[in-house]
């Protein structure tokens, strides 16, 4: 069966946005915890966590979603549907 690219695209966008938001929150939490346990010291090299974490999480989530959707699409088989014949005179 051919993959349904519209469905795969929708799933990928949803997963990418959700994981980017979660990654952003995790990056901010990491910086807060790191500053808390380092006695209030600020390290500017840690700021890259704010953009790297959401990008990595969203990218991996999108790749896994596309992969899983394509694999399940390969094994999905169409269901046979029986169609009853049309009634020639439905009012009688």
Protein backbone atom coordinates (compact mmCIF):
# COMPACT_ATOMS: atom_id res chain seq x y z
CA UNK A 1 0.00 0.00 0.00
CA UNK A 2 1.19 3.49 -0.71
CA UNK A 3 1.97 5.60 2.35
CA UNK A 4 -0.47 8.34 3.20
CA UNK A 5 1.93 11.32 3.11
CA UNK A 6 -0.69 13.74 4.41
CA UNK A 7 -1.19 11.67 7.57
CA UNK A 8 2.56 11.21 8.03
CA UNK A 9 3.13 14.97 7.65
CA UNK A 10 0.44 15.79 10.21
CA UNK A 11 1.83 13.28 12.71
CA UNK A 12 5.37 14.61 12.19
CA UNK A 13 4.38 18.24 12.71
CA UNK A 14 2.42 17.41 15.85
CA UNK A 15 5.26 15.36 17.33
CA UNK A 16 7.90 17.92 16.34
CA UNK A 17 6.08 20.85 17.94
CA UNK A 18 5.26 18.92 21.11
CA UNK A 19 8.83 17.71 21.57
CA UNK A 20 10.27 21.15 20.82
CA UNK A 21 8.13 22.62 23.60
CA UNK A 22 9.14 19.86 26.01
CA UNK A 23 12.79 20.28 25.02
CA UNK A 24 12.63 24.01 25.63
CA UNK A 25 11.19 23.46 29.10
CA UNK A 26 13.83 20.83 29.87
CA UNK A 27 16.61 23.16 28.69
CA UNK A 28 15.38 25.97 30.93
CA UNK A 29 15.03 23.58 33.86
CA UNK A 30 18.58 22.34 33.28
CA UNK A 31 19.94 25.89 33.37
CA UNK A 32 18.02 26.71 36.55
CA UNK A 33 19.21 23.54 38.30
CA UNK A 34 22.78 24.02 37.08
CA UNK A 35 22.88 27.59 38.37
CA UNK A 36 21.27 26.53 41.65
CA UNK A 37 23.82 23.80 42.37
CA UNK A 38 26.83 25.83 41.22
CA UNK A 39 26.22 28.54 43.81
CA UNK A 40 24.73 31.05 41.40
CA UNK A 41 27.63 30.93 38.94
CA UNK A 42 26.75 31.75 35.34
CA UNK A 43 28.43 29.95 32.46
CA UNK A 44 27.59 31.42 29.02
CA UNK A 45 28.59 28.16 27.29
CA UNK A 46 25.53 26.49 28.81
CA UNK A 47 23.17 28.80 26.91
CA UNK A 48 23.36 26.53 23.86
CA UNK A 49 21.16 24.08 25.80
CA UNK A 50 18.22 26.42 25.13
CA UNK A 51 18.30 25.77 21.38
CA UNK A 52 20.09 22.42 21.12
CA UNK A 53 17.74 20.41 23.31
CA UNK A 54 14.50 21.34 21.48
CA UNK A 55 16.11 20.87 18.06
CA UNK A 56 17.54 17.44 18.91
CA UNK A 57 14.34 16.22 20.57
CA UNK A 58 12.11 17.44 17.73
CA UNK A 59 14.40 15.99 15.05
CA UNK A 60 14.63 12.57 16.65
CA UNK A 61 10.89 12.52 17.32
CA UNK A 62 10.08 13.42 13.70
CA UNK A 63 12.48 10.80 12.34
CA UNK A 64 11.02 8.10 14.58
CA UNK A 65 7.45 9.10 13.75
CA UNK A 66 8.07 9.01 9.99
CA UNK A 67 9.89 5.69 10.32
CA UNK A 68 7.14 4.07 12.37
CA UNK A 69 4.40 5.41 10.07
CA UNK A 70 6.23 4.10 6.98
CA UNK A 71 6.86 0.67 8.53
CA UNK A 72 3.25 0.31 9.66
CA UNK A 73 2.12 1.49 6.23
CA UNK A 74 4.14 -1.30 4.61
CA UNK A 75 2.39 -3.98 6.65
CA UNK A 76 -1.08 -2.46 6.66
CA UNK A 77 -3.42 -4.23 4.28
CA UNK A 78 -6.64 -2.84 2.89
CA UNK A 79 -9.77 -4.27 4.46
CA UNK A 80 -12.19 -5.83 1.99
CA UNK A 81 -15.54 -4.08 2.15
CA UNK A 82 -18.61 -5.74 0.78
CA UNK A 83 -21.04 -3.39 -0.91
CA UNK A 84 -24.66 -4.40 -1.19
CA UNK A 85 -26.33 -3.78 -4.55
CA UNK A 86 -28.46 -0.67 -4.89
CA UNK A 87 -32.18 -1.10 -4.46
CA UNK A 88 -33.96 -0.46 -7.74
CA UNK A 89 -37.19 0.67 -6.10
CA UNK A 90 -36.58 1.77 -2.50
CA UNK A 91 -40.12 3.19 -2.05
CA UNK A 92 -41.98 -0.12 -2.56
